[in-house]
C-alpha atoms as a PDB file:
ATOM      1  CA  UNK A   1     -12.643 170.448 -25.832  1.00  0.00           C
ATOM      2  CA  UNK A   2     -12.494 166.569 -26.292  1.00  0.00           C
ATOM      3  CA  UNK A   3     -16.143 166.361 -27.364  1.00  0.00           C
ATOM      4  CA  UNK A   4     -16.872 163.722 -30.008  1.00  0.00           C
ATOM      5  CA  UNK A   5     -17.298 165.179 -33.431  1.00  0.00           C
ATOM      6  CA  UNK A   6     -20.154 163.602 -35.298  1.00  0.00           C
ATOM      7  CA  UNK A   7     -19.507 164.769 -38.798  1.00  0.00           C
ATOM      8  CA  UNK A   8     -18.110 163.467 -41.935  1.00  0.00           C
ATOM      9  CA  UNK A   9     -14.649 164.600 -43.105  1.00  0.00           C
ATOM     10  CA  UNK A  10     -16.130 166.759 -45.735  1.00  0.00           C
ATOM     11  CA  UNK A  11     -18.422 168.477 -43.278  1.00  0.00           C
ATOM     12  CA  UNK A  12     -15.600 168.931 -40.812  1.00  0.00           C
ATOM     13  CA  UNK A  13     -13.508 170.536 -43.602  1.00  0.00           C
ATOM     14  CA  UNK A  14     -16.271 172.824 -44.542  1.00  0.00           C
ATOM     15  CA  UNK A  15     -16.784 174.012 -40.923  1.00  0.00           C
ATOM     16  CA  UNK A  16     -13.110 174.455 -40.495  1.00  0.00           C
ATOM     17  CA  UNK A  17     -13.033 176.646 -43.682  1.00  0.00           C
ATOM     18  CA  UNK A  18     -15.871 178.742 -42.300  1.00  0.00           C
ATOM     19  CA  UNK A  19     -14.166 179.240 -39.072  1.00  0.00           C
ATOM     20  CA  UNK A  20     -10.938 180.318 -40.818  1.00  0.00           C
ATOM     21  CA  UNK A  21     -12.915 182.898 -42.707  1.00  0.00           C
ATOM     22  CA  UNK A  22     -14.542 184.227 -39.580  1.00  0.00           C
ATOM     23  CA  UNK A  23     -10.960 184.412 -37.914  1.00  0.00           C
ATOM     24  CA  UNK A  24      -9.361 186.025 -40.845  1.00  0.00           C
ATOM     25  CA  UNK A  25     -12.212 188.623 -41.113  1.00  0.00           C
ATOM     26  CA  UNK A  26     -11.239 190.051 -37.740  1.00  0.00           C
ATOM     27  CA  UNK A  27     -14.868 190.815 -37.051  1.00  0.00           C
ATOM     28  CA  UNK A  28     -15.228 188.243 -34.106  1.00  0.00           C
ATOM     29  CA  UNK A  29     -14.790 189.512 -30.620  1.00  0.00           C
ATOM     30  CA  UNK A  30     -11.910 188.285 -28.603  1.00  0.00           C
ATOM     31  CA  UNK A  31     -13.952 185.720 -26.712  1.00  0.00           C
ATOM     32  CA  UNK A  32     -15.552 184.434 -30.011  1.00  0.00           C
ATOM     33  CA  UNK A  33     -12.255 184.245 -31.553  1.00  0.00           C
ATOM     34  CA  UNK A  34     -10.932 181.940 -28.783  1.00  0.00           C
ATOM     35  CA  UNK A  35     -14.051 179.782 -29.042  1.00  0.00           C
ATOM     36  CA  UNK A  36     -13.603 179.583 -32.872  1.00  0.00           C
ATOM     37  CA  UNK A  37      -9.843 178.835 -32.573  1.00  0.00           C
ATOM     38  CA  UNK A  38     -10.673 175.982 -30.107  1.00  0.00           C
ATOM     39  CA  UNK A  39     -13.324 174.502 -32.272  1.00  0.00           C
ATOM     40  CA  UNK A  40     -11.000 174.817 -35.267  1.00  0.00           C
ATOM     41  CA  UNK A  41      -8.261 172.913 -33.482  1.00  0.00           C
ATOM     42  CA  UNK A  42     -10.716 170.206 -32.679  1.00  0.00           C
ATOM     43  CA  UNK A  43     -11.814 169.936 -36.191  1.00  0.00           C
ATOM     44  CA  UNK A  44      -8.269 169.995 -37.463  1.00  0.00           C
ATOM     45  CA  UNK A  45      -7.330 167.006 -35.157  1.00  0.00           C
ATOM     46  CA  UNK A  46     -10.551 165.127 -36.198  1.00  0.00           C
ATOM     47  CA  UNK A  47      -9.542 165.649 -39.903  1.00  0.00           C
ATOM     48  CA  UNK A  48      -5.935 164.605 -39.285  1.00  0.00           C
ATOM     49  CA  UNK A  49      -6.977 161.465 -37.434  1.00  0.00           C
ATOM     50  CA  UNK A  50      -9.448 160.511 -40.058  1.00  0.00           C
ATOM     51  CA  UNK A  51      -6.780 160.954 -42.828  1.00  0.00           C
ATOM     52  CA  UNK A  52      -4.282 158.995 -40.768  1.00  0.00           C
ATOM     53  CA  UNK A  53      -6.801 156.107 -40.265  1.00  0.00           C
ATOM     54  CA  UNK A  54      -7.642 155.996 -43.998  1.00  0.00           C
ATOM     55  CA  UNK A  55      -3.949 156.140 -44.955  1.00  0.00           C
ATOM     56  CA  UNK A  56      -3.410 153.130 -42.613  1.00  0.00           C
ATOM     57  CA  UNK A  57      -6.299 151.282 -44.092  1.00  0.00           C
ATOM     58  CA  UNK A  58      -4.897 151.859 -47.655  1.00  0.00           C
ATOM     59  CA  UNK A  59      -1.554 150.645 -46.590  1.00  0.00           C
ATOM     60  CA  UNK A  60      -3.097 147.484 -45.372  1.00  0.00           C
ATOM     61  CA  UNK A  61      -5.132 146.791 -48.511  1.00  0.00           C
ATOM     62  CA  UNK A  62      -2.093 147.485 -50.612  1.00  0.00           C
ATOM     63  CA  UNK A  63      -0.173 144.993 -48.587  1.00  0.00           C
ATOM     64  CA  UNK A  64      -2.928 142.476 -48.832  1.00  0.00           C
ATOM     65  CA  UNK A  65      -3.002 143.112 -52.709  1.00  0.00           C
ATOM     66  CA  UNK A  66       0.765 142.470 -52.828  1.00  0.00           C
ATOM     67  CA  UNK A  67       0.413 139.232 -50.927  1.00  0.00           C
ATOM     68  CA  UNK A  68      -2.499 138.076 -53.068  1.00  0.00           C
ATOM     69  CA  UNK A  69      -0.422 138.705 -56.326  1.00  0.00           C
ATOM     70  CA  UNK A  70       2.551 136.836 -54.839  1.00  0.00           C
ATOM     71  CA  UNK A  71       0.441 133.820 -53.872  1.00  0.00           C
ATOM     72  CA  UNK A  72      -1.249 133.729 -57.275  1.00  0.00           C
ATOM     73  CA  UNK A  73       2.048 133.597 -59.160  1.00  0.00           C
END
């Protein structure tokens, strides 16, 4: 755990969906299920962090847009 994930957000979501399918099928062994769960948690954190960063960036851009509108008036 803690390994850098070198994927796009979309790739991470696709892999996470695949992992969920494998876990829900019940066909994976206990050891495989634990590994899949661990990877799924890493991907989930990666996706959340990515969305948080994008949300922050959008908020900053929106604030900049408000400031520019105020100065233009």
